[in-house]
Amino acid sequence: VETAGWCWAEGQKMGRTILADLQDEMSSPDQPAPPPSPTRQPIVLAGE
């Protein structure tokens, strides 16, 4: 668990991130496109 202030700062960051993700879609509302499938690899933890 983190503090309320930490969560607030993280929420701000996610708001800006979502807005950047949406900009192309909102500029062409008649032809919304799904977000690109992100290239992901799991982060591996080694240590009991």
ModelCIF file with pLDDT and N, C-alpha, C, O atoms, coordinates in Angstrom:
data_MODEL
#
_entry.id   MODEL 
#
_entity.id                         1 
_entity.type                       polymer 
_entity.pdbx_number_of_molecules   1 
#
_entity_poly.entity_id                      1 
_entity_poly.type                           'polypeptide(L)' 
_entity_poly.nstd_linkage                   no 
_entity_poly.nstd_monomer                   no 
_entity_poly.pdbx_seq_one_letter_code       VETAGWCWAEGQKMGRTILADLQDEMSSPDQPAPPPSPTRQPIVLAGE 
_entity_poly.pdbx_seq_one_letter_code_can   VETAGWCWAEGQKMGRTILADLQDEMSSPDQPAPPPSPTRQPIVLAGE 
_entity_poly.pdbx_strand_id                 A 
#
loop_
_entity_poly_seq.entity_id 
_entity_poly_seq.num 
_entity_poly_seq.mon_id 
_entity_poly_seq.hetero 
1 1  VAL n 
1 2  GLU n 
1 3  THR n 
1 4  ALA n 
1 5  GLY n 
1 6  TRP n 
1 7  CYS n 
1 8  TRP n 
1 9  ALA n 
1 10 GLU n 
1 11 GLY n 
1 12 GLN n 
1 13 LYS n 
1 14 MET n 
1 15 GLY n 
1 16 ARG n 
1 17 THR n 
1 18 ILE n 
1 19 LEU n 
1 20 ALA n 
1 21 ASP n 
1 22 LEU n 
1 23 GLN n 
1 24 ASP n 
1 25 GLU n 
1 26 MET n 
1 27 SER n 
1 28 SER n 
1 29 PRO n 
1 30 ASP n 
1 31 GLN n 
1 32 PRO n 
1 33 ALA n 
1 34 PRO n 
1 35 PRO n 
1 36 PRO n 
1 37 SER n 
1 38 PRO n 
1 39 THR n 
1 40 ARG n 
1 41 GLN n 
1 42 PRO n 
1 43 ILE n 
1 44 VAL n 
1 45 LEU n 
1 46 ALA n 
1 47 GLY n 
1 48 GLU n 
#
_struct_asym.id          A 
_struct_asym.entity_id   1 
#
loop_
_ma_qa_metric.id 
_ma_qa_metric.mode 
_ma_qa_metric.name 
_ma_qa_metric.software_group_id 
_ma_qa_metric.type 
1 global pLDDT . pLDDT 
2 local  pLDDT . pLDDT 
#
_ma_qa_metric_global.metric_id      1 
_ma_qa_metric_global.metric_value   83.69 
_ma_qa_metric_global.model_id       1 
_ma_qa_metric_global.ordinal_id     1 
#
loop_
_ma_qa_metric_local.label_asym_id 
_ma_qa_metric_local.label_comp_id 
_ma_qa_metric_local.label_seq_id 
_ma_qa_metric_local.metric_id 
_ma_qa_metric_local.metric_value 
_ma_qa_metric_local.model_id 
_ma_qa_metric_local.ordinal_id 
A VAL 1  2 86.00 1 1  
A GLU 2  2 91.00 1 2  
A THR 3  2 92.00 1 3  
A ALA 4  2 95.00 1 4  
A GLY 5  2 96.00 1 5  
A TRP 6  2 96.00 1 6  
A CYS 7  2 97.00 1 7  
A TRP 8  2 98.00 1 8  
A ALA 9  2 97.00 1 9  
A GLU 10 2 97.00 1 10 
A GLY 11 2 98.00 1 11 
A GLN 12 2 97.00 1 12 
A LYS 13 2 97.00 1 13 
A MET 14 2 98.00 1 14 
A GLY 15 2 98.00 1 15 
A ARG 16 2 97.00 1 16 
A THR 17 2 96.00 1 17 
A ILE 18 2 97.00 1 18 
A LEU 19 2 96.00 1 19 
A ALA 20 2 93.00 1 20 
A ASP 21 2 92.00 1 21 
A LEU 22 2 92.00 1 22 
A GLN 23 2 85.00 1 23 
A ASP 24 2 70.00 1 24 
A GLU 25 2 75.00 1 25 
A MET 26 2 72.00 1 26 
A SER 27 2 69.00 1 27 
A SER 28 2 64.00 1 28 
A PRO 29 2 58.00 1 29 
A ASP 30 2 60.00 1 30 
A GLN 31 2 55.00 1 31 
A PRO 32 2 54.00 1 32 
A ALA 33 2 54.00 1 33 
A PRO 34 2 55.00 1 34 
A PRO 35 2 58.00 1 35 
A PRO 36 2 55.00 1 36 
A SER 37 2 55.00 1 37 
A PRO 38 2 61.00 1 38 
A THR 39 2 71.00 1 39 
A ARG 40 2 84.00 1 40 
A GLN 41 2 92.00 1 41 
A PRO 42 2 96.00 1 42 
A ILE 43 2 97.00 1 43 
A VAL 44 2 97.00 1 44 
A LEU 45 2 97.00 1 45 
A ALA 46 2 97.00 1 46 
A GLY 47 2 95.00 1 47 
A GLU 48 2 95.00 1 48 
#
loop_
_atom_site.group_PDB 
_atom_site.id 
_atom_site.type_symbol 
_atom_site.label_atom_id 
_atom_site.label_alt_id 
_atom_site.label_comp_id 
_atom_site.label_asym_id 
_atom_site.label_entity_id 
_atom_site.label_seq_id 
_atom_site.pdbx_PDB_ins_code 
_atom_site.Cartn_x 
_atom_site.Cartn_y 
_atom_site.Cartn_z 
_atom_site.occupancy 
_atom_site.B_iso_or_equiv 
_atom_site.pdbx_formal_charge 
_atom_site.auth_seq_id 
_atom_site.auth_comp_id 
_atom_site.auth_asym_id 
_atom_site.auth_atom_id 
_atom_site.pdbx_PDB_model_num 
ATOM 1   N N  . VAL A 1 1  ? 0.856   -1.144  0.000   1.00 86.00 ? 1  VAL A N  1 
ATOM 2   C CA . VAL A 1 1  ? 0.000   0.000   0.000   1.00 86.00 ? 1  VAL A CA 1 
ATOM 3   C C  . VAL A 1 1  ? 0.910   1.217   0.000   1.00 86.00 ? 1  VAL A C  1 
ATOM 4   O O  . VAL A 1 1  ? 1.995   1.167   0.579   1.00 86.00 ? 1  VAL A O  1 
ATOM 5   N N  . GLU A 1 2  ? 0.495   2.314   -0.637  1.00 91.00 ? 2  GLU A N  1 
ATOM 6   C CA . GLU A 1 2  ? 1.251   3.556   -0.626  1.00 91.00 ? 2  GLU A CA 1 
ATOM 7   C C  . GLU A 1 2  ? 0.391   4.674   -0.046  1.00 91.00 ? 2  GLU A C  1 
ATOM 8   O O  . GLU A 1 2  ? -0.802  4.489   0.199   1.00 91.00 ? 2  GLU A O  1 
ATOM 9   N N  . THR A 1 3  ? 1.006   5.831   0.170   1.00 92.00 ? 3  THR A N  1 
ATOM 10  C CA . THR A 1 3  ? 0.294   6.955   0.756   1.00 92.00 ? 3  THR A CA 1 
ATOM 11  C C  . THR A 1 3  ? -0.706  7.543   -0.238  1.00 92.00 ? 3  THR A C  1 
ATOM 12  O O  . THR A 1 3  ? -0.633  7.285   -1.439  1.00 92.00 ? 3  THR A O  1 
ATOM 13  N N  . ALA A 1 4  ? -1.641  8.337   0.285   1.00 95.00 ? 4  ALA A N  1 
ATOM 14  C CA . ALA A 1 4  ? -2.612  9.002   -0.581  1.00 95.00 ? 4  ALA A CA 1 
ATOM 15  C C  . ALA A 1 4  ? -1.917  9.922   -1.571  1.00 95.00 ? 4  ALA A C  1 
ATOM 16  O O  . ALA A 1 4  ? -2.321  10.002  -2.731  1.00 95.00 ? 4  ALA A O  1 
ATOM 17  N N  . GLY A 1 5  ? -0.870  10.622  -1.123  1.00 96.00 ? 5  GLY A N  1 
ATOM 18  C CA . GLY A 1 5  ? -0.144  11.516  -2.017  1.00 96.00 ? 5  GLY A CA 1 
ATOM 19  C C  . GLY A 1 5  ? 0.543   10.784  -3.149  1.00 96.00 ? 5  GLY A C  1 
ATOM 20  O O  . GLY A 1 5  ? 0.583   11.268  -4.280  1.00 96.00 ? 5  GLY A O  1 
ATOM 21  N N  . TRP A 1 6  ? 1.086   9.614   -2.842  1.00 96.00 ? 6  TRP A N  1 
ATOM 22  C CA . TRP A 1 6  ? 1.722   8.796   -3.885  1.00 96.00 ? 6  TRP A CA 1 
ATOM 23  C C  . TRP A 1 6  ? 0.683   8.384   -4.925  1.00 96.00 ? 6  TRP A C  1 
ATOM 24  O O  . TRP A 1 6  ? 0.931   8.476   -6.127  1.00 96.00 ? 6  TRP A O  1 
ATOM 25  N N  . CYS A 1 7  ? -0.473  7.934   -4.462  1.00 97.00 ? 7  CYS A N  1 
ATOM 26  C CA . CYS A 1 7  ? -1.532  7.497   -5.379  1.00 97.00 ? 7  CYS A CA 1 
ATOM 27  C C  . CYS A 1 7  ? -2.059  8.666   -6.211  1.00 97.00 ? 7  CYS A C  1 
ATOM 28  O O  . CYS A 1 7  ? -2.356  8.507   -7.395  1.00 97.00 ? 7  CYS A O  1 
ATOM 29  N N  . TRP A 1 8  ? -2.173  9.840   -5.587  1.00 98.00 ? 8  TRP A N  1 
ATOM 30  C CA . TRP A 1 8  ? -2.611  11.028  -6.314  1.00 98.00 ? 8  TRP A CA 1 
ATOM 31  C C  . TRP A 1 8  ? -1.648  11.346  -7.454  1.00 98.00 ? 8  TRP A C  1 
ATOM 32  O O  . TRP A 1 8  ? -2.083  11.609  -8.575  1.00 98.00 ? 8  TRP A O  1 
ATOM 33  N N  . ALA A 1 9  ? -0.336  11.323  -7.177  1.00 97.00 ? 9  ALA A N  1 
ATOM 34  C CA . ALA A 1 9  ? 0.659   11.616  -8.207  1.00 97.00 ? 9  ALA A CA 1 
ATOM 35  C C  . ALA A 1 9  ? 0.610   10.568  -9.315  1.00 97.00 ? 9  ALA A C  1 
ATOM 36  O O  . ALA A 1 9  ? 0.753   10.901  -10.492 1.00 97.00 ? 9  ALA A O  1 
ATOM 37  N N  . GLU A 1 10 ? 0.411   9.322   -8.950  1.00 97.00 ? 10 GLU A N  1 
ATOM 38  C CA . GLU A 1 10 ? 0.322   8.263   -9.947  1.00 97.00 ? 10 GLU A CA 1 
ATOM 39  C C  . GLU A 1 10 ? -0.933  8.423   -10.795 1.00 97.00 ? 10 GLU A C  1 
ATOM 40  O O  . GLU A 1 10 ? -0.900  8.194   -12.004 1.00 97.00 ? 10 GLU A O  1 
ATOM 41  N N  . GLY A 1 11 ? -2.050  8.818   -10.163 1.00 98.00 ? 11 GLY A N  1 
ATOM 42  C CA . GLY A 1 11 ? -3.274  9.066   -10.914 1.00 98.00 ? 11 GLY A CA 1 
ATOM 43  C C  . GLY A 1 11 ? -3.102  10.192  -11.909 1.00 98.00 ? 11 GLY A C  1 
ATOM 44  O O  . GLY A 1 11 ? -3.568  10.090  -13.044 1.00 98.00 ? 11 GLY A O  1 
ATOM 45  N N  . GLN A 1 12 ? -2.434  11.274  -11.502 1.00 97.00 ? 12 GLN A N  1 
ATOM 46  C CA . GLN A 1 12 ? -2.139  12.364  -12.432 1.00 97.00 ? 12 GLN A CA 1 
ATOM 47  C C  . GLN A 1 12 ? -1.393  11.847  -13.653 1.00 97.00 ? 12 GLN A C  1 
ATOM 48  O O  . GLN A 1 12 ? -1.734  12.170  -14.791 1.00 97.00 ? 12 GLN A O  1 
ATOM 49  N N  . LYS A 1 13 ? -0.371  11.042  -13.399 1.00 97.00 ? 13 LYS A N  1 
ATOM 50  C CA . LYS A 1 13 ? 0.453   10.511  -14.478 1.00 97.00 ? 13 LYS A CA 1 
ATOM 51  C C  . LYS A 1 13 ? -0.384  9.635   -15.419 1.00 97.00 ? 13 LYS A C  1 
ATOM 52  O O  . LYS A 1 13 ? -0.232  9.712   -16.638 1.00 97.00 ? 13 LYS A O  1 
ATOM 53  N N  . MET A 1 14 ? -1.260  8.809   -14.854 1.00 98.00 ? 14 MET A N  1 
ATOM 54  C CA . MET A 1 14 ? -2.091  7.959   -15.699 1.00 98.00 ? 14 MET A CA 1 
ATOM 55  C C  . MET A 1 14 ? -3.108  8.773   -16.501 1.00 98.00 ? 14 MET A C  1 
ATOM 56  O O  . MET A 1 14 ? -3.436  8.419   -17.633 1.00 98.00 ? 14 MET A O  1 
ATOM 57  N N  . GLY A 1 15 ? -3.609  9.870   -15.907 1.00 98.00 ? 15 GLY A N  1 
ATOM 58  C CA . GLY A 1 15 ? -4.511  10.733  -16.652 1.00 98.00 ? 15 GLY A CA 1 
ATOM 59  C C  . GLY A 1 15 ? -3.840  11.295  -17.893 1.00 98.00 ? 15 GLY A C  1 
ATOM 60  O O  . GLY A 1 15 ? -4.427  11.294  -18.975 1.00 98.00 ? 15 GLY A O  1 
ATOM 61  N N  . ARG A 1 16 ? -2.609  11.776  -17.741 1.00 97.00 ? 16 ARG A N  1 
ATOM 62  C CA . ARG A 1 16 ? -1.874  12.312  -18.884 1.00 97.00 ? 16 ARG A CA 1 
ATOM 63  C C  . ARG A 1 16 ? -1.557  11.232  -19.901 1.00 97.00 ? 16 ARG A C  1 
ATOM 64  O O  . ARG A 1 16 ? -1.595  11.477  -21.107 1.00 97.00 ? 16 ARG A O  1 
ATOM 65  N N  . THR A 1 17 ? -1.246  10.039  -19.417 1.00 96.00 ? 17 THR A N  1 
ATOM 66  C CA . THR A 1 17 ? -0.926  8.932   -20.317 1.00 96.00 ? 17 THR A CA 1 
ATOM 67  C C  . THR A 1 17 ? -2.147  8.521   -21.133 1.00 96.00 ? 17 THR A C  1 
ATOM 68  O O  . THR A 1 17 ? -2.041  8.303   -22.339 1.00 96.00 ? 17 THR A O  1 
ATOM 69  N N  . ILE A 1 18 ? -3.297  8.414   -20.488 1.00 97.00 ? 18 ILE A N  1 
ATOM 70  C CA . ILE A 1 18 ? -4.525  8.049   -21.193 1.00 97.00 ? 18 ILE A CA 1 
ATOM 71  C C  . ILE A 1 18 ? -4.886  9.126   -22.213 1.00 97.00 ? 18 ILE A C  1 
ATOM 72  O O  . ILE A 1 18 ? -5.317  8.809   -23.322 1.00 97.00 ? 18 ILE A O  1 
ATOM 73  N N  . LEU A 1 19 ? -4.715  10.388  -21.849 1.00 96.00 ? 19 LEU A N  1 
ATOM 74  C CA . LEU A 1 19 ? -5.028  11.472  -22.778 1.00 96.00 ? 19 LEU A CA 1 
ATOM 75  C C  . LEU A 1 19 ? -4.165  11.388  -24.026 1.00 96.00 ? 19 LEU A C  1 
ATOM 76  O O  . LEU A 1 19 ? -4.671  11.536  -25.139 1.00 96.00 ? 19 LEU A O  1 
ATOM 77  N N  . ALA A 1 20 ? -2.872  11.152  -23.857 1.00 93.00 ? 20 ALA A N  1 
ATOM 78  C CA . ALA A 1 20 ? -1.995  11.001  -25.018 1.00 93.00 ? 20 ALA A CA 1 
ATOM 79  C C  . ALA A 1 20 ? -2.411  9.815   -25.876 1.00 93.00 ? 20 ALA A C  1 
ATOM 80  O O  . ALA A 1 20 ? -2.347  9.881   -27.103 1.00 93.00 ? 20 ALA A O  1 
ATOM 81  N N  . ASP A 1 21 ? -2.834  8.741   -25.241 1.00 92.00 ? 21 ASP A N  1 
ATOM 82  C CA . ASP A 1 21 ? -3.288  7.549   -25.958 1.00 92.00 ? 21 ASP A CA 1 
ATOM 83  C C  . ASP A 1 21 ? -4.549  7.837   -26.776 1.00 92.00 ? 21 ASP A C  1 
ATOM 84  O O  . ASP A 1 21 ? -4.750  7.268   -27.849 1.00 92.00 ? 21 ASP A O  1 
ATOM 85  N N  . LEU A 1 22 ? -5.389  8.725   -26.256 1.00 92.00 ? 22 LEU A N  1 
ATOM 86  C CA . LEU A 1 22 ? -6.685  9.005   -26.889 1.00 92.00 ? 22 LEU A CA 1 
ATOM 87  C C  . LEU A 1 22 ? -6.639  10.066  -27.972 1.00 92.00 ? 22 LEU A C  1 
ATOM 88  O O  . LEU A 1 22 ? -7.592  10.179  -28.744 1.00 92.00 ? 22 LEU A O  1 
ATOM 89  N N  . GLN A 1 23 ? -5.585  10.839  -28.063 1.00 85.00 ? 23 GLN A N  1 
ATOM 90  C CA . GLN A 1 23 ? -5.601  12.017  -28.920 1.00 85.00 ? 23 GLN A CA 1 
ATOM 91  C C  . GLN A 1 23 ? -5.930  11.711  -30.375 1.00 85.00 ? 23 GLN A C  1 
ATOM 92  O O  . GLN A 1 23 ? -6.744  12.409  -30.977 1.00 85.00 ? 23 GLN A O  1 
ATOM 93  N N  . ASP A 1 24 ? -5.322  10.695  -30.945 1.00 70.00 ? 24 ASP A N  1 
ATOM 94  C CA . ASP A 1 24 ? -5.603  10.354  -32.349 1.00 70.00 ? 24 ASP A CA 1 
ATOM 95  C C  . ASP A 1 24 ? -7.050  9.930   -32.531 1.00 70.00 ? 24 ASP A C  1 
ATOM 96  O O  . ASP A 1 24 ? -7.685  10.296  -33.519 1.00 70.00 ? 24 ASP A O  1 
ATOM 97  N N  . GLU A 1 25 ? -7.571  9.164   -31.592 1.00 75.00 ? 25 GLU A N  1 
ATOM 98  C CA . GLU A 1 25 ? -8.961  8.714   -31.695 1.00 75.00 ? 25 GLU A CA 1 
ATOM 99  C C  . GLU A 1 25 ? -9.934  9.872   -31.627 1.00 75.00 ? 25 GLU A C  1 
ATOM 100 O O  . GLU A 1 25 ? -10.896 9.930   -32.392 1.00 75.00 ? 25 GLU A O  1 
ATOM 101 N N  . MET A 1 26 ? -9.684  10.790  -30.716 1.00 72.00 ? 26 MET A N  1 
ATOM 102 C CA . MET A 1 26 ? -10.606 11.907  -30.526 1.00 72.00 ? 26 MET A CA 1 
ATOM 103 C C  . MET A 1 26 ? -10.552 12.896  -31.684 1.00 72.00 ? 26 MET A C  1 
ATOM 104 O O  . MET A 1 26 ? -11.522 13.611  -31.937 1.00 72.00 ? 26 MET A O  1 
ATOM 105 N N  . SER A 1 27 ? -9.414  12.939  -32.392 1.00 69.00 ? 27 SER A N  1 
ATOM 106 C CA . SER A 1 27 ? -9.334  13.826  -33.548 1.00 69.00 ? 27 SER A CA 1 
ATOM 107 C C  . SER A 1 27 ? -10.094 13.276  -34.746 1.00 69.00 ? 27 SER A C  1 
ATOM 108 O O  . SER A 1 27 ? -10.421 14.025  -35.667 1.00 69.00 ? 27 SER A O  1 
ATOM 109 N N  . SER A 1 28 ? -10.386 11.954  -34.748 1.00 64.00 ? 28 SER A N  1 
ATOM 110 C CA . SER A 1 28 ? -11.165 11.323  -35.822 1.00 64.00 ? 28 SER A CA 1 
ATOM 111 C C  . SER A 1 28 ? -12.254 10.462  -35.198 1.00 64.00 ? 28 SER A C  1 
ATOM 112 O O  . SER A 1 28 ? -12.192 9.234   -35.257 1.00 64.00 ? 28 SER A O  1 
ATOM 113 N N  . PRO A 1 29 ? -13.265 11.115  -34.594 1.00 58.00 ? 29 PRO A N  1 
ATOM 114 C CA . PRO A 1 29 ? -14.261 10.357  -33.828 1.00 58.00 ? 29 PRO A CA 1 
ATOM 115 C C  . PRO A 1 29 ? -15.084 9.393   -34.669 1.00 58.00 ? 29 PRO A C  1 
ATOM 116 O O  . PRO A 1 29 ? -15.625 8.420   -34.143 1.00 58.00 ? 29 PRO A O  1 
ATOM 117 N N  . ASP A 1 30 ? -15.185 9.651   -35.971 1.00 60.00 ? 30 ASP A N  1 
ATOM 118 C CA . ASP A 1 30 ? -15.984 8.760   -36.811 1.00 60.00 ? 30 ASP A CA 1 
ATOM 119 C C  . ASP A 1 30 ? -15.248 7.478   -37.167 1.00 60.00 ? 30 ASP A C  1 
ATOM 120 O O  . ASP A 1 30 ? -15.864 6.505   -37.601 1.00 60.00 ? 30 ASP A O  1 
ATOM 121 N N  . GLN A 1 31 ? -13.950 7.475   -36.987 1.00 55.00 ? 31 GLN A N  1 
ATOM 122 C CA . GLN A 1 31 ? -13.164 6.287   -37.322 1.00 55.00 ? 31 GLN A CA 1 
ATOM 123 C C  . GLN A 1 31 ? -12.229 5.939   -36.160 1.00 55.00 ? 31 GLN A C  1 
ATOM 124 O O  . GLN A 1 31 ? -11.007 6.007   -36.293 1.00 55.00 ? 31 GLN A O  1 
ATOM 125 N N  . PRO A 1 32 ? -12.812 5.571   -35.035 1.00 54.00 ? 32 PRO A N  1 
ATOM 126 C CA . PRO A 1 32 ? -11.947 5.233   -33.896 1.00 54.00 ? 32 PRO A CA 1 
ATOM 127 C C  . PRO A 1 32 ? -11.136 3.976   -34.171 1.00 54.00 ? 32 PRO A C  1 
ATOM 128 O O  . PRO A 1 32 ? -11.630 3.009   -34.750 1.00 54.00 ? 32 PRO A O  1 
ATOM 129 N N  . ALA A 1 33 ? -9.920  4.014   -33.755 1.00 54.00 ? 33 ALA A N  1 
ATOM 130 C CA . ALA A 1 33 ? -9.041  2.848   -33.940 1.00 54.00 ? 33 ALA A CA 1 
ATOM 131 C C  . ALA A 1 33 ? -8.636  2.324   -32.575 1.00 54.00 ? 33 ALA A C  1 
ATOM 132 O O  . ALA A 1 33 ? -8.406  3.101   -31.649 1.00 54.00 ? 33 ALA A O  1 
ATOM 133 N N  . PRO A 1 34 ? -8.548  1.014   -32.450 1.00 55.00 ? 34 PRO A N  1 
ATOM 134 C CA . PRO A 1 34 ? -8.110  0.464   -31.166 1.00 55.00 ? 34 PRO A CA 1 
ATOM 135 C C  . PRO A 1 34 ? -6.655  0.815   -30.918 1.00 55.00 ? 34 PRO A C  1 
ATOM 136 O O  . PRO A 1 34 ? -5.908  1.036   -31.872 1.00 55.00 ? 34 PRO A O  1 
ATOM 137 N N  . PRO A 1 35 ? -6.235  0.871   -29.669 1.00 58.00 ? 35 PRO A N  1 
ATOM 138 C CA . PRO A 1 35 ? -4.821  1.156   -29.391 1.00 58.00 ? 35 PRO A CA 1 
ATOM 139 C C  . PRO A 1 35 ? -3.948  0.025   -29.914 1.00 58.00 ? 35 PRO A C  1 
ATOM 140 O O  . PRO A 1 35 ? -4.383  -1.125  -29.960 1.00 58.00 ? 35 PRO A O  1 
ATOM 141 N N  . PRO A 1 36 ? -2.734  0.342   -30.303 1.00 55.00 ? 36 PRO A N  1 
ATOM 142 C CA . PRO A 1 36 ? -1.858  -0.717  -30.807 1.00 55.00 ? 36 PRO A CA 1 
ATOM 143 C C  . PRO A 1 36 ? -1.579  -1.746  -29.727 1.00 55.00 ? 36 PRO A C  1 
ATOM 144 O O  . PRO A 1 36 ? -1.475  -1.409  -28.548 1.00 55.00 ? 36 PRO A O  1 
ATOM 145 N N  . SER A 1 37 ? -1.459  -2.987  -30.129 1.00 55.00 ? 37 SER A N  1 
ATOM 146 C CA . SER A 1 37 ? -1.121  -4.030  -29.162 1.00 55.00 ? 37 SER A CA 1 
ATOM 147 C C  . SER A 1 37 ? 0.314   -3.817  -28.697 1.00 55.00 ? 37 SER A C  1 
ATOM 148 O O  . SER A 1 37 ? 1.236   -3.905  -29.508 1.00 55.00 ? 37 SER A O  1 
ATOM 149 N N  . PRO A 1 38 ? 0.524   -3.541  -27.427 1.00 61.00 ? 38 PRO A N  1 
ATOM 150 C CA . PRO A 1 38 ? 1.887   -3.254  -26.962 1.00 61.00 ? 38 PRO A CA 1 
ATOM 151 C C  . PRO A 1 38 ? 2.756   -4.502  -27.001 1.00 61.00 ? 38 PRO A C  1 
ATOM 152 O O  . PRO A 1 38 ? 2.290   -5.615  -26.758 1.00 61.00 ? 38 PRO A O  1 
ATOM 153 N N  . THR A 1 39 ? 4.028   -4.287  -27.312 1.00 71.00 ? 39 THR A N  1 
ATOM 154 C CA . THR A 1 39 ? 4.985   -5.388  -27.262 1.00 71.00 ? 39 THR A CA 1 
ATOM 155 C C  . THR A 1 39 ? 5.375   -5.595  -25.807 1.00 71.00 ? 39 THR A C  1 
ATOM 156 O O  . THR A 1 39 ? 5.973   -4.710  -25.194 1.00 71.00 ? 39 THR A O  1 
ATOM 157 N N  . ARG A 1 40 ? 5.046   -6.742  -25.254 1.00 84.00 ? 40 ARG A N  1 
ATOM 158 C CA . ARG A 1 40 ? 5.261   -6.982  -23.831 1.00 84.00 ? 40 ARG A CA 1 
ATOM 159 C C  . ARG A 1 40 ? 6.111   -8.233  -23.622 1.00 84.00 ? 40 ARG A C  1 
ATOM 160 O O  . ARG A 1 40 ? 6.023   -9.211  -24.364 1.00 84.00 ? 40 ARG A O  1 
ATOM 161 N N  . GLN A 1 41 ? 6.924   -8.157  -22.596 1.00 92.00 ? 41 GLN A N  1 
ATOM 162 C CA . GLN A 1 41 ? 7.604   -9.346  -22.101 1.00 92.00 ? 41 GLN A CA 1 
ATOM 163 C C  . GLN A 1 41 ? 7.537   -9.311  -20.580 1.00 92.00 ? 41 GLN A C  1 
ATOM 164 O O  . GLN A 1 41 ? 7.734   -8.253  -19.983 1.00 92.00 ? 41 GLN A O  1 
ATOM 165 N N  . PRO A 1 42 ? 7.267   -10.430 -19.948 1.00 96.00 ? 42 PRO A N  1 
ATOM 166 C CA . PRO A 1 42 ? 7.178   -10.426 -18.487 1.00 96.00 ? 42 PRO A CA 1 
ATOM 167 C C  . PRO A 1 42 ? 8.528   -10.134 -17.845 1.00 96.00 ? 42 PRO A C  1 
ATOM 168 O O  . PRO A 1 42 ? 9.568   -10.573 -18.334 1.00 96.00 ? 42 PRO A O  1 
ATOM 169 N N  . ILE A 1 43 ? 8.498   -9.388  -16.742 1.00 97.00 ? 43 ILE A N  1 
ATOM 170 C CA . ILE A 1 43 ? 9.699   -9.123  -15.961 1.00 97.00 ? 43 ILE A CA 1 
ATOM 171 C C  . ILE A 1 43 ? 9.869   -10.277 -14.978 1.00 97.00 ? 43 ILE A C  1 
ATOM 172 O O  . ILE A 1 43 ? 8.975   -10.554 -14.178 1.00 97.00 ? 43 ILE A O  1 
ATOM 173 N N  . VAL A 1 44 ? 11.000  -10.938 -15.038 1.00 97.00 ? 44 VAL A N  1 
ATOM 174 C CA . VAL A 1 44 ? 11.252  -12.150 -14.260 1.00 97.00 ? 44 VAL A CA 1 
ATOM 175 C C  . VAL A 1 44 ? 11.960  -11.788 -12.955 1.00 97.00 ? 44 VAL A C  1 
ATOM 176 O O  . VAL A 1 44 ? 12.923  -11.022 -12.955 1.00 97.00 ? 44 VAL A O  1 
ATOM 177 N N  . LEU A 1 45 ? 11.477  -12.343 -11.850 1.00 97.00 ? 45 LEU A N  1 
ATOM 178 C CA . LEU A 1 45 ? 12.114  -12.167 -10.541 1.00 97.00 ? 45 LEU A CA 1 
ATOM 179 C C  . LEU A 1 45 ? 12.883  -13.426 -10.173 1.00 97.00 ? 45 LEU A C  1 
ATOM 180 O O  . LEU A 1 45 ? 12.367  -14.536 -10.304 1.00 97.00 ? 45 LEU A O  1 
ATOM 181 N N  . ALA A 1 46 ? 14.118  -13.251 -9.713  1.00 97.00 ? 46 ALA A N  1 
ATOM 182 C CA . ALA A 1 46 ? 14.940  -14.377 -9.276  1.00 97.00 ? 46 ALA A CA 1 
ATOM 183 C C  . ALA A 1 46 ? 15.428  -14.095 -7.859  1.00 97.00 ? 46 ALA A C  1 
ATOM 184 O O  . ALA A 1 46 ? 16.275  -13.229 -7.640  1.00 97.00 ? 46 ALA A O  1 
ATOM 185 N N  . GLY A 1 47 ? 14.892  -14.824 -6.921  1.00 95.00 ? 47 GLY A N  1 
ATOM 186 C CA . GLY A 1 47 ? 15.242  -14.631 -5.514  1.00 95.00 ? 47 GLY A CA 1 
ATOM 187 C C  . GLY A 1 47 ? 14.047  -14.977 -4.656  1.00 95.00 ? 47 GLY A C  1 
ATOM 188 O O  . GLY A 1 47 ? 12.969  -14.411 -4.837  1.00 95.00 ? 47 GLY A O  1 
ATOM 189 N N  . GLU A 1 48 ? 14.222  -15.910 -3.711  1.00 95.00 ? 48 GLU A N  1 
ATOM 190 C CA . GLU A 1 48 ? 13.092  -16.405 -2.921  1.00 95.00 ? 48 GLU A CA 1 
ATOM 191 C C  . GLU A 1 48 ? 12.415  -15.312 -2.110  1.00 95.00 ? 48 GLU A C  1 
ATOM 192 O O  . GLU A 1 48 ? 11.448  -15.581 -1.397  1.00 95.00 ? 48 GLU A O  1 
#
